[in-house]
Amino acid sequence: MRHSLRVLIKKEIADHIHSWRFNILLALIFLTALASIYTAGMAIRDAVSKADTPLGDLYLFLKVFTVSDGRLPSFITFVGFLAPLLGIGMAFDAINGEINRRTLVRLIAQPIYRDDVILSKWIAALLVITVFFLALGFFVMGLAILFFGIPPTFEEVMRIIVFLLATALYVGVWLSLGILFSIYFRQPATSLLASIAVWLFFALFYDMIVNILVPIDTEGPAQIVFRQMQIHQYLLRISPTTLYQEVVTTLLSPNVRSLGPLTVAQVVGAIPTPLSFDQSLLLIWPQIVGLVALSVFLFAISFTLFMRQDIRH
């Protein structure tokens, strides 16, 4: 790594840490996560007191992230909805903000490579996001240890770590989108609105549009219904939100054995036991690759536009 790139990454990390906007977003995610953990703890205590299953078979630490008592959404619901705002908030004015402040032209005038400027913004933001979610996850595990008085199993720890890294990848998609719009649009307000519009489209409206375009006739022939379900799922997986939800569901719910429609022949003879960690990871590997590819693709477009952009003021 070039010395100039390392210096710029350190500068960007320091800017994020000292940014009021960034810290407010972190506080919002942290407080909502803390509230969801409390309600999950209440629900788990009630379930454990009524269950005949040994505690080791209940995946308690995974349930901390997935269950709720109904008063508040679960941890994964809060994170899945609010985490994209963190990526968008860190990136929507990454380039056009500096152009409007007249700082980018002075930065490029320094003896550094031009691509170091945009690379440092992307890498620094990804590092900060990854560290934050890992810290948040370990904090939640620490609270769970205090709450339940038992340590997590090694498999539970590995599932939670991969879940946190997948969350950072998911936020990275919206980070790359925010950087792209910050280059394409001259005004930060426009890039912010465009980023939020795309996020809301995939979070709220995309599933409804797919359901309208590809309705599933449950009373039709089995082959036609199966084909409709496959097409329906292929279209849903265009959305990064769907990819992330499938990753989270598989990692934090070991009983999930498939992410797509199954034929009768596939169901017959299947043993209804939880998947091991490596099997769950193998099941979601295409989704993880999809999130990485989408993030890199959006950043590649941003990189190309930035390198061709004429910056004179």
C-alpha atoms as a PDB file:
ATOM      1  CA  MET A   1       0.000   0.000   0.000  1.00  0.00           C
ATOM      2  CA  ARG A   2       1.349   3.406  -0.989  1.00  0.00           C
ATOM      3  CA  HIS A   3       2.328   5.834   1.750  1.00  0.00           C
ATOM      4  CA  SER A   4      -0.010   8.521   0.406  1.00  0.00           C
ATOM      5  CA  LEU A   5      -2.943   6.092   0.488  1.00  0.00           C
ATOM      6  CA  ARG A   6      -2.202   5.126   4.095  1.00  0.00           C
ATOM      7  CA  VAL A   7      -2.072   8.787   5.109  1.00  0.00           C
ATOM      8  CA  LEU A   8      -5.386   9.543   3.402  1.00  0.00           C
ATOM      9  CA  ILE A   9      -7.049   6.497   4.987  1.00  0.00           C
ATOM     10  CA  LYS A  10      -5.951   7.663   8.446  1.00  0.00           C
ATOM     11  CA  LYS A  11      -7.300  11.135   7.651  1.00  0.00           C
ATOM     12  CA  GLU A  12     -10.670   9.770   6.520  1.00  0.00           C
ATOM     13  CA  ILE A  13     -10.977   7.534   9.584  1.00  0.00           C
ATOM     14  CA  ALA A  14     -10.260  10.501  11.847  1.00  0.00           C
ATOM     15  CA  ASP A  15     -12.837  12.593   9.972  1.00  0.00           C
ATOM     16  CA  HIS A  16     -15.500   9.915  10.475  1.00  0.00           C
ATOM     17  CA  ILE A  17     -14.716   9.459  14.161  1.00  0.00           C
ATOM     18  CA  HIS A  18     -14.972  13.194  14.823  1.00  0.00           C
ATOM     19  CA  SER A  19     -18.074  13.667  12.651  1.00  0.00           C
ATOM     20  CA  TRP A  20     -21.301  14.527  14.470  1.00  0.00           C
ATOM     21  CA  ARG A  21     -23.344  12.925  11.696  1.00  0.00           C
ATOM     22  CA  PHE A  22     -21.469   9.634  11.992  1.00  0.00           C
ATOM     23  CA  ASN A  23     -21.669   9.547  15.776  1.00  0.00           C
ATOM     24  CA  ILE A  24     -25.395  10.308  15.766  1.00  0.00           C
ATOM     25  CA  LEU A  25     -26.010   7.410  13.364  1.00  0.00           C
ATOM     26  CA  LEU A  26     -23.897   5.113  15.540  1.00  0.00           C
ATOM     27  CA  ALA A  27     -25.794   6.181  18.650  1.00  0.00           C
ATOM     28  CA  LEU A  28     -29.123   5.578  16.900  1.00  0.00           C
ATOM     29  CA  ILE A  29     -28.165   2.034  15.878  1.00  0.00           C
ATOM     30  CA  PHE A  30     -26.602   1.298  19.270  1.00  0.00           C
ATOM     31  CA  LEU A  31     -29.592   2.473  21.319  1.00  0.00           C
ATOM     32  CA  THR A  32     -32.175   0.695  19.179  1.00  0.00           C
ATOM     33  CA  ALA A  33     -30.076  -2.469  19.290  1.00  0.00           C
ATOM     34  CA  LEU A  34     -29.798  -2.200  23.072  1.00  0.00           C
ATOM     35  CA  ALA A  35     -33.569  -1.864  23.409  1.00  0.00           C
ATOM     36  CA  SER A  36     -34.185  -4.873  21.165  1.00  0.00           C
ATOM     37  CA  ILE A  37     -31.701  -6.953  23.174  1.00  0.00           C
ATOM     38  CA  TYR A  38     -33.601  -6.172  26.378  1.00  0.00           C
ATOM     39  CA  THR A  39     -36.928  -7.283  24.922  1.00  0.00           C
ATOM     40  CA  ALA A  40     -35.265 -10.385  23.437  1.00  0.00           C
ATOM     41  CA  GLY A  41     -33.886 -11.250  26.867  1.00  0.00           C
ATOM     42  CA  MET A  42     -37.354 -11.082  28.389  1.00  0.00           C
ATOM     43  CA  ALA A  43     -38.799 -13.308  25.666  1.00  0.00           C
ATOM     44  CA  ILE A  44     -35.969 -15.841  25.950  1.00  0.00           C
ATOM     45  CA  ARG A  45     -36.268 -16.084  29.720  1.00  0.00           C
ATOM     46  CA  ASP A  46     -39.954 -16.897  29.399  1.00  0.00           C
ATOM     47  CA  ALA A  47     -39.292 -19.458  26.656  1.00  0.00           C
ATOM     48  CA  VAL A  48     -36.470 -21.167  28.567  1.00  0.00           C
ATOM     49  CA  SER A  49     -38.536 -21.457  31.727  1.00  0.00           C
ATOM     50  CA  LYS A  50     -41.250 -23.291  29.762  1.00  0.00           C
ATOM     51  CA  ALA A  51     -38.973 -25.408  27.550  1.00  0.00           C
ATOM     52  CA  ASP A  52     -38.011 -29.030  28.127  1.00  0.00           C
ATOM     53  CA  THR A  53     -35.036 -28.810  25.750  1.00  0.00           C
ATOM     54  CA  PRO A  54     -31.529 -28.554  27.257  1.00  0.00           C
ATOM     55  CA  LEU A  55     -30.102 -25.045  27.132  1.00  0.00           C
ATOM     56  CA  GLY A  56     -27.265 -26.141  24.867  1.00  0.00           C
ATOM     57  CA  ASP A  57     -29.782 -27.128  22.166  1.00  0.00           C
ATOM     58  CA  LEU A  58     -31.675 -23.818  22.180  1.00  0.00           C
ATOM     59  CA  TYR A  59     -29.009 -21.655  20.491  1.00  0.00           C
ATOM     60  CA  LEU A  60     -29.629 -18.973  23.118  1.00  0.00           C
ATOM     61  CA  PHE A  61     -27.061 -16.529  21.809  1.00  0.00           C
ATOM     62  CA  LEU A  62     -28.490 -16.717  18.319  1.00  0.00           C
ATOM     63  CA  LYS A  63     -31.985 -16.100  19.675  1.00  0.00           C
ATOM     64  CA  VAL A  64     -30.720 -12.907  21.327  1.00  0.00           C
ATOM     65  CA  PHE A  65     -30.325 -11.508  17.808  1.00  0.00           C
ATOM     66  CA  THR A  66     -33.522 -12.920  16.309  1.00  0.00           C
ATOM     67  CA  VAL A  67     -36.383 -13.002  18.831  1.00  0.00           C
ATOM     68  CA  SER A  68     -38.561 -10.292  20.335  1.00  0.00           C
ATOM     69  CA  ASP A  69     -41.394 -10.110  22.829  1.00  0.00           C
ATOM     70  CA  GLY A  70     -43.542  -8.141  20.384  1.00  0.00           C
ATOM     71  CA  ARG A  71     -43.051  -4.698  21.881  1.00  0.00           C
ATOM     72  CA  LEU A  72     -40.024  -3.895  19.709  1.00  0.00           C
ATOM     73  CA  PRO A  73     -38.581  -5.499  16.570  1.00  0.00           C
ATOM     74  CA  SER A  74     -35.674  -7.909  16.908  1.00  0.00           C
ATOM     75  CA  PHE A  75     -32.002  -6.939  16.692  1.00  0.00           C
ATOM     76  CA  ILE A  76     -31.635  -8.145  13.104  1.00  0.00           C
ATOM     77  CA  THR A  77     -34.770  -6.234  12.071  1.00  0.00           C
ATOM     78  CA  PHE A  78     -33.433  -2.990  13.522  1.00  0.00           C
ATOM     79  CA  VAL A  79     -29.967  -3.476  12.041  1.00  0.00           C
ATOM     80  CA  GLY A  80     -31.280  -4.559   8.649  1.00  0.00           C
ATOM     81  CA  PHE A  81     -33.429  -1.425   8.419  1.00  0.00           C
ATOM     82  CA  LEU A  82     -31.074   1.187   9.922  1.00  0.00           C
ATOM     83  CA  ALA A  83     -27.657  -0.071   8.796  1.00  0.00           C
ATOM     84  CA  PRO A  84     -28.033   1.186   5.187  1.00  0.00           C
ATOM     85  CA  LEU A  85     -28.521   4.694   6.587  1.00  0.00           C
ATOM     86  CA  LEU A  86     -25.046   4.440   8.105  1.00  0.00           C
ATOM     87  CA  GLY A  87     -23.470   3.680   4.730  1.00  0.00           C
ATOM     88  CA  ILE A  88     -25.482   6.381   2.972  1.00  0.00           C
ATOM     89  CA  GLY A  89     -24.768   8.934   5.699  1.00  0.00           C
ATOM     90  CA  MET A  90     -21.025   8.337   5.448  1.00  0.00           C
ATOM     91  CA  ALA A  91     -20.864   8.629   1.665  1.00  0.00           C
ATOM     92  CA  PHE A  92     -23.547  10.882   0.164  1.00  0.00           C
ATOM     93  CA  ASP A  93     -21.243  13.959   0.241  1.00  0.00           C
ATOM     94  CA  ALA A  94     -17.896  12.175  -0.008  1.00  0.00           C
ATOM     95  CA  ILE A  95     -16.912  13.907  -3.261  1.00  0.00           C
ATOM     96  CA  ASN A  96     -19.407  16.682  -4.019  1.00  0.00           C
ATOM     97  CA  GLY A  97     -19.115  17.946  -0.447  1.00  0.00           C
ATOM     98  CA  GLU A  98     -15.394  18.460  -0.872  1.00  0.00           C
ATOM     99  CA  ILE A  99     -15.946  20.062  -4.264  1.00  0.00           C
ATOM    100  CA  ASN A 100     -18.402  22.554  -2.777  1.00  0.00           C
ATOM    101  CA  ARG A 101     -16.013  23.319   0.083  1.00  0.00           C
ATOM    102  CA  ARG A 102     -13.175  23.833  -2.440  1.00  0.00           C
ATOM    103  CA  THR A 103     -10.996  21.310  -0.587  1.00  0.00           C
ATOM    104  CA  LEU A 104     -10.837  18.602  -3.246  1.00  0.00           C
ATOM    105  CA  VAL A 105      -8.917  20.712  -5.760  1.00  0.00           C
ATOM    106  CA  ARG A 106      -6.335  21.548  -3.096  1.00  0.00           C
ATOM    107  CA  LEU A 107      -6.073  17.886  -2.135  1.00  0.00           C
ATOM    108  CA  ILE A 108      -5.532  16.745  -5.712  1.00  0.00           C
ATOM    109  CA  ALA A 109      -2.888  19.458  -6.155  1.00  0.00           C
ATOM    110  CA  GLN A 110      -0.735  17.619  -3.599  1.00  0.00           C
ATOM    111  CA  PRO A 111       1.880  15.064  -4.768  1.00  0.00           C
ATOM    112  CA  ILE A 112      -0.498  12.097  -4.485  1.00  0.00           C
ATOM    113  CA  TYR A 113      -2.184   9.801  -6.948  1.00  0.00           C
ATOM    114  CA  ARG A 114      -5.689  10.859  -7.850  1.00  0.00           C
ATOM    115  CA  ASP A 115      -7.110   7.376  -7.331  1.00  0.00           C
ATOM    116  CA  ASP A 116      -5.829   7.433  -3.735  1.00  0.00           C
ATOM    117  CA  VAL A 117      -8.479  10.046  -2.926  1.00  0.00           C
ATOM    118  CA  ILE A 118     -11.493   7.887  -3.742  1.00  0.00           C
ATOM    119  CA  LEU A 119      -9.846   4.637  -2.619  1.00  0.00           C
ATOM    120  CA  SER A 120      -9.114   6.119   0.794  1.00  0.00           C
ATOM    121  CA  LYS A 121     -12.731   7.225   1.254  1.00  0.00           C
ATOM    122  CA  TRP A 122     -14.063   3.770   0.410  1.00  0.00           C
ATOM    123  CA  ILE A 123     -11.509   1.739   2.377  1.00  0.00           C
ATOM    124  CA  ALA A 124     -11.627   3.985   5.455  1.00  0.00           C
ATOM    125  CA  ALA A 125     -15.419   3.906   5.610  1.00  0.00           C
ATOM    126  CA  LEU A 126     -15.472   0.106   5.236  1.00  0.00           C
ATOM    127  CA  LEU A 127     -12.915  -0.276   8.030  1.00  0.00           C
ATOM    128  CA  VAL A 128     -14.891   1.976  10.367  1.00  0.00           C
ATOM    129  CA  ILE A 129     -18.156   0.173   9.569  1.00  0.00           C
ATOM    130  CA  THR A 130     -16.606  -3.268  10.103  1.00  0.00           C
ATOM    131  CA  VAL A 131     -15.024  -2.316  13.422  1.00  0.00           C
ATOM    132  CA  PHE A 132     -18.279  -0.768  14.639  1.00  0.00           C
ATOM    133  CA  PHE A 133     -20.440  -3.807  13.897  1.00  0.00           C
ATOM    134  CA  LEU A 134     -17.878  -6.217  15.345  1.00  0.00           C
ATOM    135  CA  ALA A 135     -17.718  -4.104  18.505  1.00  0.00           C
ATOM    136  CA  LEU A 136     -21.519  -3.935  18.668  1.00  0.00           C
ATOM    137  CA  GLY A 137     -21.822  -7.692  18.233  1.00  0.00           C
ATOM    138  CA  PHE A 138     -19.280  -8.507  20.935  1.00  0.00           C
ATOM    139  CA  PHE A 139     -20.956  -6.006  23.246  1.00  0.00           C
ATOM    140  CA  VAL A 140     -24.271  -7.787  22.737  1.00  0.00           C
ATOM    141  CA  MET A 141     -22.622 -11.148  23.415  1.00  0.00           C
ATOM    142  CA  GLY A 142     -21.147  -9.741  26.613  1.00  0.00           C
ATOM    143  CA  LEU A 143     -24.576  -8.577  27.732  1.00  0.00           C
ATOM    144  CA  ALA A 144     -25.997 -12.002  26.916  1.00  0.00           C
ATOM    145  CA  ILE A 145     -23.344 -13.691  29.067  1.00  0.00           C
ATOM    146  CA  LEU A 146     -24.268 -11.427  31.974  1.00  0.00           C
ATOM    147  CA  PHE A 147     -27.972 -11.924  31.339  1.00  0.00           C
ATOM    148  CA  PHE A 148     -28.012 -15.739  30.996  1.00  0.00           C
ATOM    149  CA  GLY A 149     -24.880 -16.659  32.933  1.00  0.00           C
ATOM    150  CA  ILE A 150     -23.627 -19.161  30.341  1.00  0.00           C
ATOM    151  CA  PRO A 151     -20.974 -18.742  27.635  1.00  0.00           C
ATOM    152  CA  PRO A 152     -21.755 -19.122  23.915  1.00  0.00           C
ATOM    153  CA  THR A 153     -20.608 -22.191  22.035  1.00  0.00           C
ATOM    154  CA  PHE A 154     -17.827 -21.931  19.464  1.00  0.00           C
ATOM    155  CA  GLU A 155     -20.315 -22.472  16.631  1.00  0.00           C
ATOM    156  CA  GLU A 156     -22.543 -19.668  17.906  1.00  0.00           C
ATOM    157  CA  VAL A 157     -19.576 -17.295  18.091  1.00  0.00           C
ATOM    158  CA  MET A 158     -18.547 -18.134  14.521  1.00  0.00           C
ATOM    159  CA  ARG A 159     -22.093 -17.667  13.232  1.00  0.00           C
ATOM    160  CA  ILE A 160     -22.375 -14.289  14.956  1.00  0.00           C
ATOM    161  CA  ILE A 161     -18.992 -13.115  13.635  1.00  0.00           C
ATOM    162  CA  VAL A 162     -19.903 -14.044  10.049  1.00  0.00           C
ATOM    163  CA  PHE A 163     -23.280 -12.343  10.520  1.00  0.00           C
ATOM    164  CA  LEU A 164     -21.532  -9.142  11.647  1.00  0.00           C
ATOM    165  CA  LEU A 165     -19.107  -9.271   8.709  1.00  0.00           C
ATOM    166  CA  ALA A 166     -22.021  -9.874   6.326  1.00  0.00           C
ATOM    167  CA  THR A 167     -23.753  -6.829   7.808  1.00  0.00           C
ATOM    168  CA  ALA A 168     -20.639  -4.764   7.092  1.00  0.00           C
ATOM    169  CA  LEU A 169     -20.692  -6.068   3.503  1.00  0.00           C
ATOM    170  CA  TYR A 170     -24.359  -5.122   3.198  1.00  0.00           C
ATOM    171  CA  VAL A 171     -23.660  -1.603   4.454  1.00  0.00           C
ATOM    172  CA  GLY A 172     -20.751  -1.511   1.999  1.00  0.00           C
ATOM    173  CA  VAL A 173     -23.238  -1.801  -0.866  1.00  0.00           C
ATOM    174  CA  TRP A 174     -25.025   1.368   0.265  1.00  0.00           C
ATOM    175  CA  LEU A 175     -21.691   3.027   0.944  1.00  0.00           C
ATOM    176  CA  SER A 176     -20.634   2.402  -2.655  1.00  0.00           C
ATOM    177  CA  LEU A 177     -23.994   3.680  -3.891  1.00  0.00           C
ATOM    178  CA  GLY A 178     -23.622   6.851  -1.818  1.00  0.00           C
ATOM    179  CA  ILE A 179     -20.141   7.481  -3.215  1.00  0.00           C
ATOM    180  CA  LEU A 180     -21.456   6.933  -6.747  1.00  0.00           C
ATOM    181  CA  PHE A 181     -24.227   9.496  -6.305  1.00  0.00           C
ATOM    182  CA  SER A 182     -21.826  11.930  -4.618  1.00  0.00           C
ATOM    183  CA  ILE A 183     -19.777  11.892  -7.818  1.00  0.00           C
ATOM    184  CA  TYR A 184     -22.699  11.939 -10.242  1.00  0.00           C
ATOM    185  CA  PHE A 185     -24.653  14.754  -8.552  1.00  0.00           C
ATOM    186  CA  ARG A 186     -23.163  18.149  -7.766  1.00  0.00           C
ATOM    187  CA  GLN A 187     -25.303  18.881  -4.704  1.00  0.00           C
ATOM    188  CA  PRO A 188     -25.073  16.725  -1.541  1.00  0.00           C
ATOM    189  CA  ALA A 189     -28.813  17.115  -0.920  1.00  0.00           C
ATOM    190  CA  THR A 190     -29.572  15.581  -4.320  1.00  0.00           C
ATOM    191  CA  SER A 191     -27.232  12.645  -3.793  1.00  0.00           C
ATOM    192  CA  LEU A 192     -28.719  12.054  -0.327  1.00  0.00           C
ATOM    193  CA  LEU A 193     -32.281  12.024  -1.657  1.00  0.00           C
ATOM    194  CA  ALA A 194     -31.308   9.722  -4.532  1.00  0.00           C
ATOM    195  CA  SER A 195     -29.591   7.279  -2.152  1.00  0.00           C
ATOM    196  CA  ILE A 196     -32.546   7.239   0.249  1.00  0.00           C
ATOM    197  CA  ALA A 197     -34.948   6.767  -2.671  1.00  0.00           C
ATOM    198  CA  VAL A 198     -33.067   3.662  -3.852  1.00  0.00           C
ATOM    199  CA  TRP A 199     -32.910   2.321  -0.293  1.00  0.00           C
ATOM    200  CA  LEU A 200     -36.651   2.814   0.270  1.00  0.00           C
ATOM    201  CA  PHE A 201     -37.428   1.259  -3.111  1.00  0.00           C
ATOM    202  CA  PHE A 202     -35.660  -1.991  -2.243  1.00  0.00           C
ATOM    203  CA  ALA A 203     -36.683  -1.969   1.434  1.00  0.00           C
ATOM    204  CA  LEU A 204     -40.409  -1.269   0.964  1.00  0.00           C
ATOM    205  CA  PHE A 205     -41.594  -1.472  -2.627  1.00  0.00           C
ATOM    206  CA  TYR A 206     -39.480  -3.988  -4.553  1.00  0.00           C
ATOM    207  CA  ASP A 207     -41.070  -7.081  -2.993  1.00  0.00           C
ATOM    208  CA  MET A 208     -44.554  -5.762  -3.755  1.00  0.00           C
ATOM    209  CA  ILE A 209     -43.614  -5.073  -7.385  1.00  0.00           C
ATOM    210  CA  VAL A 210     -42.222  -8.602  -7.816  1.00  0.00           C
ATOM    211  CA  ASN A 211     -45.369 -10.091  -6.264  1.00  0.00           C
ATOM    212  CA  ILE A 212     -47.483  -8.160  -8.771  1.00  0.00           C
ATOM    213  CA  LEU A 213     -45.319  -9.021 -11.792  1.00  0.00           C
ATOM    214  CA  VAL A 214     -44.878 -12.693 -10.911  1.00  0.00           C
ATOM    215  CA  PRO A 215     -47.940 -13.929  -9.002  1.00  0.00           C
ATOM    216  CA  ILE A 216     -47.814 -17.496  -7.711  1.00  0.00           C
ATOM    217  CA  ASP A 217     -50.886 -19.610  -8.499  1.00  0.00           C
ATOM    218  CA  THR A 218     -50.861 -22.075  -5.599  1.00  0.00           C
ATOM    219  CA  GLU A 219     -53.807 -24.004  -7.082  1.00  0.00           C
ATOM    220  CA  GLY A 220     -52.137 -24.665 -10.440  1.00  0.00           C
ATOM    221  CA  PRO A 221     -50.101 -27.708 -11.551  1.00  0.00           C
ATOM    222  CA  ALA A 222     -47.112 -28.482  -9.341  1.00  0.00           C
ATOM    223  CA  GLN A 223     -44.524 -27.954 -12.099  1.00  0.00           C
ATOM    224  CA  ILE A 224     -45.927 -24.536 -13.015  1.00  0.00           C
ATOM    225  CA  VAL A 225     -46.107 -23.448  -9.372  1.00  0.00           C
ATOM    226  CA  PHE A 226     -42.535 -24.615  -8.813  1.00  0.00           C
ATOM    227  CA  ARG A 227     -41.341 -22.673 -11.868  1.00  0.00           C
ATOM    228  CA  GLN A 228     -43.227 -19.547 -10.753  1.00  0.00           C
ATOM    229  CA  MET A 229     -41.618 -19.762  -7.324  1.00  0.00           C
ATOM    230  CA  GLN A 230     -38.162 -20.069  -8.891  1.00  0.00           C
ATOM    231  CA  ILE A 231     -38.669 -17.014 -11.129  1.00  0.00           C
ATOM    232  CA  HIS A 232     -40.140 -15.104  -8.183  1.00  0.00           C
ATOM    233  CA  GLN A 233     -37.076 -15.869  -6.085  1.00  0.00           C
ATOM    234  CA  TYR A 234     -34.626 -15.007  -8.881  1.00  0.00           C
ATOM    235  CA  LEU A 235     -36.212 -11.567  -9.210  1.00  0.00           C
ATOM    236  CA  LEU A 236     -36.199 -11.005  -5.446  1.00  0.00           C
ATOM    237  CA  ARG A 237     -32.486 -11.790  -5.301  1.00  0.00           C
ATOM    238  CA  ILE A 238     -31.725  -8.796  -7.481  1.00  0.00           C
ATOM    239  CA  SER A 239     -32.296  -6.771  -4.319  1.00  0.00           C
ATOM    240  CA  PRO A 240     -29.356  -6.514  -1.883  1.00  0.00           C
ATOM    241  CA  THR A 241     -31.918  -6.477   0.929  1.00  0.00           C
ATOM    242  CA  THR A 242     -33.125  -9.955  -0.031  1.00  0.00           C
ATOM    243  CA  LEU A 243     -29.566 -11.276  -0.258  1.00  0.00           C
ATOM    244  CA  TYR A 244     -28.790  -9.912   3.195  1.00  0.00           C
ATOM    245  CA  GLN A 245     -31.996 -11.309   4.699  1.00  0.00           C
ATOM    246  CA  GLU A 246     -31.198 -14.778   3.357  1.00  0.00           C
ATOM    247  CA  VAL A 247     -27.686 -14.609   4.815  1.00  0.00           C
ATOM    248  CA  VAL A 248     -28.980 -13.517   8.220  1.00  0.00           C
ATOM    249  CA  THR A 249     -31.772 -16.097   8.297  1.00  0.00           C
ATOM    250  CA  THR A 250     -29.426 -18.972   7.489  1.00  0.00           C
ATOM    251  CA  LEU A 251     -26.682 -17.930   9.893  1.00  0.00           C
ATOM    252  CA  LEU A 252     -28.831 -17.132  12.912  1.00  0.00           C
ATOM    253  CA  SER A 253     -31.436 -19.870  12.384  1.00  0.00           C
ATOM    254  CA  PRO A 254     -29.536 -23.172  12.011  1.00  0.00           C
ATOM    255  CA  ASN A 255     -32.805 -25.028  11.356  1.00  0.00           C
ATOM    256  CA  VAL A 256     -33.044 -23.350   7.937  1.00  0.00           C
ATOM    257  CA  ARG A 257     -31.890 -26.010   5.469  1.00  0.00           C
ATOM    258  CA  SER A 258     -32.856 -24.437   2.131  1.00  0.00           C
ATOM    259  CA  LEU A 259     -33.366 -20.964   0.675  1.00  0.00           C
ATOM    260  CA  GLY A 260     -35.421 -21.967  -2.323  1.00  0.00           C
ATOM    261  CA  PRO A 261     -38.446 -24.077  -3.278  1.00  0.00           C
ATOM    262  CA  LEU A 262     -38.027 -27.848  -2.901  1.00  0.00           C
ATOM    263  CA  THR A 263     -39.623 -30.699  -4.804  1.00  0.00           C
ATOM    264  CA  VAL A 264     -41.352 -33.576  -3.052  1.00  0.00           C
ATOM    265  CA  ALA A 265     -38.438 -35.856  -3.918  1.00  0.00           C
ATOM    266  CA  GLN A 266     -36.038 -33.470  -2.181  1.00  0.00           C
ATOM    267  CA  VAL A 267     -38.197 -33.239   0.932  1.00  0.00           C
ATOM    268  CA  VAL A 268     -38.796 -36.972   1.347  1.00  0.00           C
ATOM    269  CA  GLY A 269     -36.085 -38.534   3.459  1.00  0.00           C
ATOM    270  CA  ALA A 270     -34.592 -35.234   4.634  1.00  0.00           C
ATOM    271  CA  ILE A 271     -33.495 -35.279   8.274  1.00  0.00           C
ATOM    272  CA  PRO A 272     -34.935 -32.251  10.144  1.00  0.00           C
ATOM    273  CA  THR A 273     -31.782 -31.401  12.087  1.00  0.00           C
ATOM    274  CA  PRO A 274     -29.961 -28.047  12.313  1.00  0.00           C
ATOM    275  CA  LEU A 275     -27.218 -27.415   9.789  1.00  0.00           C
ATOM    276  CA  SER A 276     -23.640 -27.199  10.962  1.00  0.00           C
ATOM    277  CA  PHE A 277     -21.778 -23.915  10.605  1.00  0.00           C
ATOM    278  CA  ASP A 278     -19.825 -24.968   7.515  1.00  0.00           C
ATOM    279  CA  GLN A 279     -22.994 -26.235   5.816  1.00  0.00           C
ATOM    280  CA  SER A 280     -24.825 -22.983   6.546  1.00  0.00           C
ATOM    281  CA  LEU A 281     -21.855 -21.032   5.207  1.00  0.00           C
ATOM    282  CA  LEU A 282     -21.871 -23.129   2.045  1.00  0.00           C
ATOM    283  CA  LEU A 283     -25.603 -22.473   1.630  1.00  0.00           C
ATOM    284  CA  ILE A 284     -25.237 -18.676   1.786  1.00  0.00           C
ATOM    285  CA  TRP A 285     -21.956 -18.401  -0.103  1.00  0.00           C
ATOM    286  CA  PRO A 286     -23.652 -17.247  -3.366  1.00  0.00           C
ATOM    287  CA  GLN A 287     -25.464 -14.483  -1.461  1.00  0.00           C
ATOM    288  CA  ILE A 288     -22.225 -13.294   0.161  1.00  0.00           C
ATOM    289  CA  VAL A 289     -20.471 -13.276  -3.203  1.00  0.00           C
ATOM    290  CA  GLY A 290     -23.418 -11.332  -4.621  1.00  0.00           C
ATOM    291  CA  LEU A 291     -23.123  -8.631  -1.953  1.00  0.00           C
ATOM    292  CA  VAL A 292     -19.364  -8.348  -2.514  1.00  0.00           C
ATOM    293  CA  ALA A 293     -19.793  -8.215  -6.293  1.00  0.00           C
ATOM    294  CA  LEU A 294     -22.503  -5.549  -6.092  1.00  0.00           C
ATOM    295  CA  SER A 295     -20.436  -3.371  -3.765  1.00  0.00           C
ATOM    296  CA  VAL A 296     -17.318  -3.686  -5.928  1.00  0.00           C
ATOM    297  CA  PHE A 297     -19.334  -3.076  -9.120  1.00  0.00           C
ATOM    298  CA  LEU A 298     -20.852   0.142  -7.779  1.00  0.00           C
ATOM    299  CA  PHE A 299     -17.467   1.321  -6.550  1.00  0.00           C
ATOM    300  CA  ALA A 300     -15.871   0.488  -9.907  1.00  0.00           C
ATOM    301  CA  ILE A 301     -18.397   2.769 -11.616  1.00  0.00           C
ATOM    302  CA  SER A 302     -17.661   5.462  -9.017  1.00  0.00           C
ATOM    303  CA  PHE A 303     -13.929   5.040  -9.551  1.00  0.00           C
ATOM    304  CA  THR A 304     -14.267   5.378 -13.332  1.00  0.00           C
ATOM    305  CA  LEU A 305     -16.454   8.486 -13.088  1.00  0.00           C
ATOM    306  CA  PHE A 306     -14.137  10.109 -10.563  1.00  0.00           C
ATOM    307  CA  MET A 307     -11.007   9.480 -12.628  1.00  0.00           C
ATOM    308  CA  ARG A 308     -12.688  11.056 -15.671  1.00  0.00           C
ATOM    309  CA  GLN A 309     -14.196  13.980 -13.783  1.00  0.00           C
ATOM    310  CA  ASP A 310     -12.878  17.438 -14.525  1.00  0.00           C
ATOM    311  CA  ILE A 311     -12.233  19.155 -11.175  1.00  0.00           C
ATOM    312  CA  ARG A 312     -11.239  22.802 -11.550  1.00  0.00           C
ATOM    313  CA  HIS A 313     -12.883  24.514  -8.591  1.00  0.00           C
END
